Amino acid sequence: NPGDRTHRVNKDRAEELISKWKIEIESNESCSIETLDLANRVYEVDAAKIICEFLNDKVTQVRTANLPDIIASLKTDDGLFVLRSFSNLLAKSPIERLNLDDNALGIRGIIECRGIISCLSLLHLSLQNNGLDAQSMKNLKNILLDSS
């Protein structure tokens, strides 16, 4: 259930999701993923690794990435790893719309998401409820300006 904020995705659950996604991808004639919705589930480190490995060659056409509330309750280092993993995965996609709401990014989260935030194709960036201070916003501004 993507709306279940308490749902944690561990390694076993990630493998279940991937099995489901394989069926969906095989039934899709174009085999193109334009929207990646990982919203409102907390991805543990092992789950993020497995999901990124599976999606690595399948996300080259993603235009919308919906990643709100994906690190709630994780230890800081684990949360940063998950953000970095998904950011690096999607950095090669022509992302136009990116939602990173509710992730308590802070300055370190902004830095870890540099790859996806700096996509030249980015038109819309949502960062609601992330507790970004002045230094975080300065870093965000620099990332956006450096990518333009």
C-alpha atoms as a PDB file:
ATOM      1  CA  ASN A   1       0.000   0.000   0.000  1.00  0.00           C
ATOM      2  CA  PRO A   2       1.836   3.124  -1.178  1.00  0.00           C
ATOM      3  CA  GLY A   3      -0.088   5.350   1.244  1.00  0.00           C
ATOM      4  CA  ASP A   4       0.920   3.377   4.345  1.00  0.00           C
ATOM      5  CA  ARG A   5       3.449   5.668   6.014  1.00  0.00           C
ATOM      6  CA  THR A   6       4.507   2.969   8.439  1.00  0.00           C
ATOM      7  CA  HIS A   7       5.381   0.453   5.733  1.00  0.00           C
ATOM      8  CA  ARG A   8       9.057  -0.445   5.687  1.00  0.00           C
ATOM      9  CA  VAL A   9      10.585  -2.096   2.675  1.00  0.00           C
ATOM     10  CA  ASN A  10      13.266  -4.580   3.675  1.00  0.00           C
ATOM     11  CA  LYS A  11      15.216  -6.931   1.403  1.00  0.00           C
ATOM     12  CA  ASP A  12      12.433  -9.539   1.240  1.00  0.00           C
ATOM     13  CA  ARG A  13       9.728  -6.966   0.488  1.00  0.00           C
ATOM     14  CA  ALA A  14      11.972  -5.391  -2.171  1.00  0.00           C
ATOM     15  CA  GLU A  15      12.286  -8.765  -3.893  1.00  0.00           C
ATOM     16  CA  GLU A  16       8.470  -9.113  -3.825  1.00  0.00           C
ATOM     17  CA  LEU A  17       8.085  -5.651  -5.372  1.00  0.00           C
ATOM     18  CA  ILE A  18      10.630  -6.476  -8.060  1.00  0.00           C
ATOM     19  CA  SER A  19       8.767  -9.684  -8.946  1.00  0.00           C
ATOM     20  CA  LYS A  20       5.588  -7.641  -9.351  1.00  0.00           C
ATOM     21  CA  TRP A  21       7.407  -4.983 -11.393  1.00  0.00           C
ATOM     22  CA  LYS A  22       8.900  -7.627 -13.702  1.00  0.00           C
ATOM     23  CA  ILE A  23       5.395  -8.785 -14.609  1.00  0.00           C
ATOM     24  CA  GLU A  24       4.247  -5.194 -15.181  1.00  0.00           C
ATOM     25  CA  ILE A  25       7.285  -4.396 -17.322  1.00  0.00           C
ATOM     26  CA  GLU A  26       6.888  -7.568 -19.403  1.00  0.00           C
ATOM     27  CA  SER A  27       3.245  -6.703 -20.079  1.00  0.00           C
ATOM     28  CA  ASN A  28       4.144  -3.158 -21.144  1.00  0.00           C
ATOM     29  CA  GLU A  29       4.798  -3.159 -24.877  1.00  0.00           C
ATOM     30  CA  SER A  30       6.952  -0.048 -24.828  1.00  0.00           C
ATOM     31  CA  CYS A  31       9.009  -1.274 -21.832  1.00  0.00           C
ATOM     32  CA  SER A  32       9.523   2.371 -20.927  1.00  0.00           C
ATOM     33  CA  ILE A  33       9.133   3.678 -17.379  1.00  0.00           C
ATOM     34  CA  GLU A  34       8.204   7.361 -17.457  1.00  0.00           C
ATOM     35  CA  THR A  35       7.006   7.679 -13.848  1.00  0.00           C
ATOM     36  CA  LEU A  36       8.734   6.128 -10.874  1.00  0.00           C
ATOM     37  CA  ASP A  37       6.576   6.252  -7.748  1.00  0.00           C
ATOM     38  CA  LEU A  38       8.348   5.072  -4.594  1.00  0.00           C
ATOM     39  CA  ALA A  39       6.297   7.333  -2.314  1.00  0.00           C
ATOM     40  CA  ASN A  40       5.517   6.880   1.338  1.00  0.00           C
ATOM     41  CA  ARG A  41       7.461   3.708   1.968  1.00  0.00           C
ATOM     42  CA  VAL A  42      10.638   3.583   3.996  1.00  0.00           C
ATOM     43  CA  TYR A  43      13.390   1.814   2.078  1.00  0.00           C
ATOM     44  CA  GLU A  44      16.042   0.078   4.140  1.00  0.00           C
ATOM     45  CA  VAL A  45      19.605   0.043   2.786  1.00  0.00           C
ATOM     46  CA  ASP A  46      19.459  -3.545   1.456  1.00  0.00           C
ATOM     47  CA  ALA A  47      16.124  -2.837  -0.217  1.00  0.00           C
ATOM     48  CA  ALA A  48      17.470   0.297  -1.902  1.00  0.00           C
ATOM     49  CA  LYS A  49      20.474  -1.651  -3.210  1.00  0.00           C
ATOM     50  CA  ILE A  50      18.293  -4.402  -4.704  1.00  0.00           C
ATOM     51  CA  ILE A  51      15.780  -1.971  -6.209  1.00  0.00           C
ATOM     52  CA  CYS A  52      18.480   0.231  -7.727  1.00  0.00           C
ATOM     53  CA  GLU A  53      20.240  -2.785  -9.194  1.00  0.00           C
ATOM     54  CA  PHE A  54      16.990  -3.997 -10.764  1.00  0.00           C
ATOM     55  CA  LEU A  55      15.980  -0.574 -12.099  1.00  0.00           C
ATOM     56  CA  ASN A  56      19.453   0.452 -13.270  1.00  0.00           C
ATOM     57  CA  ASP A  57      18.872  -0.149 -16.990  1.00  0.00           C
ATOM     58  CA  LYS A  58      15.122   0.504 -16.876  1.00  0.00           C
ATOM     59  CA  VAL A  59      14.903   4.138 -15.801  1.00  0.00           C
ATOM     60  CA  THR A  60      16.499   5.905 -18.741  1.00  0.00           C
ATOM     61  CA  GLN A  61      13.177   7.506 -19.716  1.00  0.00           C
ATOM     62  CA  VAL A  62      11.823   8.511 -16.287  1.00  0.00           C
ATOM     63  CA  ARG A  63      10.365  12.009 -16.413  1.00  0.00           C
ATOM     64  CA  THR A  64       8.557  12.018 -13.049  1.00  0.00           C
ATOM     65  CA  ALA A  65      10.158  10.765  -9.844  1.00  0.00           C
ATOM     66  CA  ASN A  66       7.901  10.630  -6.825  1.00  0.00           C
ATOM     67  CA  LEU A  67      10.087  10.049  -3.754  1.00  0.00           C
ATOM     68  CA  PRO A  68       8.369  11.657  -0.759  1.00  0.00           C
ATOM     69  CA  ASP A  69       8.763  10.232   2.740  1.00  0.00           C
ATOM     70  CA  ILE A  70      11.148   7.402   1.798  1.00  0.00           C
ATOM     71  CA  ILE A  71      13.604   7.649   4.713  1.00  0.00           C
ATOM     72  CA  ALA A  72      11.407   8.225   7.786  1.00  0.00           C
ATOM     73  CA  SER A  73      12.776   6.643  10.963  1.00  0.00           C
ATOM     74  CA  LEU A  74      15.996   5.438   9.330  1.00  0.00           C
ATOM     75  CA  LYS A  75      19.316   6.152  11.022  1.00  0.00           C
ATOM     76  CA  THR A  76      20.933   9.198   9.443  1.00  0.00           C
ATOM     77  CA  ASP A  77      23.647   7.277   7.584  1.00  0.00           C
ATOM     78  CA  ASP A  78      21.099   4.783   6.246  1.00  0.00           C
ATOM     79  CA  GLY A  79      18.768   7.558   5.123  1.00  0.00           C
ATOM     80  CA  LEU A  80      21.602   9.352   3.350  1.00  0.00           C
ATOM     81  CA  PHE A  81      22.620   6.103   1.634  1.00  0.00           C
ATOM     82  CA  VAL A  82      19.054   5.559   0.387  1.00  0.00           C
ATOM     83  CA  LEU A  83      18.796   9.136  -0.909  1.00  0.00           C
ATOM     84  CA  ARG A  84      22.180   8.873  -2.643  1.00  0.00           C
ATOM     85  CA  SER A  85      21.273   5.508  -4.181  1.00  0.00           C
ATOM     86  CA  PHE A  86      17.996   6.687  -5.703  1.00  0.00           C
ATOM     87  CA  SER A  87      19.535  10.003  -6.745  1.00  0.00           C
ATOM     88  CA  ASN A  88      22.423   8.308  -8.540  1.00  0.00           C
ATOM     89  CA  LEU A  89      20.018   5.840 -10.153  1.00  0.00           C
ATOM     90  CA  LEU A  90      17.842   8.608 -11.574  1.00  0.00           C
ATOM     91  CA  ALA A  91      20.595  11.090 -12.424  1.00  0.00           C
ATOM     92  CA  LYS A  92      20.821   9.633 -15.942  1.00  0.00           C
ATOM     93  CA  SER A  93      17.090  10.071 -16.566  1.00  0.00           C
ATOM     94  CA  PRO A  94      15.451  13.099 -18.198  1.00  0.00           C
ATOM     95  CA  ILE A  95      13.680  14.036 -14.951  1.00  0.00           C
ATOM     96  CA  GLU A  96      11.225  16.905 -15.346  1.00  0.00           C
ATOM     97  CA  ARG A  97       9.249  16.543 -12.099  1.00  0.00           C
ATOM     98  CA  LEU A  98      10.859  15.567  -8.801  1.00  0.00           C
ATOM     99  CA  ASN A  99       9.055  15.221  -5.482  1.00  0.00           C
ATOM    100  CA  LEU A 100      11.265  14.858  -2.399  1.00  0.00           C
ATOM    101  CA  ASP A 101       8.688  16.074   0.148  1.00  0.00           C
ATOM    102  CA  ASP A 102       8.722  14.899   3.761  1.00  0.00           C
ATOM    103  CA  ASN A 103      12.253  13.523   3.806  1.00  0.00           C
ATOM    104  CA  ALA A 104      13.862  15.840   6.396  1.00  0.00           C
ATOM    105  CA  LEU A 105      16.719  16.301   3.944  1.00  0.00           C
ATOM    106  CA  GLY A 106      18.723  18.986   5.666  1.00  0.00           C
ATOM    107  CA  ILE A 107      22.048  20.040   4.239  1.00  0.00           C
ATOM    108  CA  ARG A 108      23.429  16.499   3.942  1.00  0.00           C
ATOM    109  CA  GLY A 109      20.321  15.205   2.185  1.00  0.00           C
ATOM    110  CA  ILE A 110      20.491  18.030  -0.353  1.00  0.00           C
ATOM    111  CA  ILE A 111      24.111  17.125  -1.056  1.00  0.00           C
ATOM    112  CA  GLU A 112      23.258  13.409  -1.418  1.00  0.00           C
ATOM    113  CA  CYS A 113      20.478  14.276  -3.888  1.00  0.00           C
ATOM    114  CA  ARG A 114      22.781  16.437  -6.016  1.00  0.00           C
ATOM    115  CA  GLY A 115      22.740  13.951  -8.911  1.00  0.00           C
ATOM    116  CA  ILE A 116      19.008  14.084  -9.427  1.00  0.00           C
ATOM    117  CA  ILE A 117      18.495  17.726  -8.418  1.00  0.00           C
ATOM    118  CA  SER A 118      21.059  18.830 -10.984  1.00  0.00           C
ATOM    119  CA  CYS A 119      19.306  17.148 -13.945  1.00  0.00           C
ATOM    120  CA  LEU A 120      19.249  19.686 -16.757  1.00  0.00           C
ATOM    121  CA  SER A 121      15.731  18.619 -17.720  1.00  0.00           C
ATOM    122  CA  LEU A 122      14.275  19.397 -14.252  1.00  0.00           C
ATOM    123  CA  LEU A 123      11.273  21.735 -14.462  1.00  0.00           C
ATOM    124  CA  HIS A 124       9.522  21.162 -11.128  1.00  0.00           C
ATOM    125  CA  LEU A 125      11.102  20.402  -7.751  1.00  0.00           C
ATOM    126  CA  SER A 126       8.987  19.852  -4.640  1.00  0.00           C
ATOM    127  CA  LEU A 127      10.741  20.017  -1.261  1.00  0.00           C
ATOM    128  CA  GLN A 128       7.875  20.568   1.177  1.00  0.00           C
ATOM    129  CA  ASN A 129       8.340  19.737   4.839  1.00  0.00           C
ATOM    130  CA  ASN A 130      12.066  19.055   4.680  1.00  0.00           C
ATOM    131  CA  GLY A 131      13.310  21.374   7.411  1.00  0.00           C
ATOM    132  CA  LEU A 132      15.734  23.163   5.125  1.00  0.00           C
ATOM    133  CA  ASP A 133      17.717  25.913   6.803  1.00  0.00           C
ATOM    134  CA  ALA A 134      19.503  28.846   5.172  1.00  0.00           C
ATOM    135  CA  GLN A 135      22.684  26.836   4.489  1.00  0.00           C
ATOM    136  CA  SER A 136      20.672  23.996   2.934  1.00  0.00           C
ATOM    137  CA  MET A 137      18.918  26.476   0.660  1.00  0.00           C
ATOM    138  CA  LYS A 138      22.254  28.045  -0.289  1.00  0.00           C
ATOM    139  CA  ASN A 139      23.576  24.597  -1.258  1.00  0.00           C
ATOM    140  CA  LEU A 140      20.387  23.905  -3.209  1.00  0.00           C
ATOM    141  CA  LYS A 141      20.734  27.213  -5.027  1.00  0.00           C
ATOM    142  CA  ASN A 142      24.350  26.421  -5.939  1.00  0.00           C
ATOM    143  CA  ILE A 143      23.432  22.952  -7.223  1.00  0.00           C
ATOM    144  CA  LEU A 144      20.647  24.394  -9.376  1.00  0.00           C
ATOM    145  CA  LEU A 145      22.808  27.245 -10.693  1.00  0.00           C
ATOM    146  CA  ASP A 146      25.729  24.913 -11.434  1.00  0.00           C
ATOM    147  CA  SER A 147      23.463  22.661 -13.470  1.00  0.00           C
ATOM    148  CA  SER A 148      21.929  25.430 -15.591  1.00  0.00           C
END
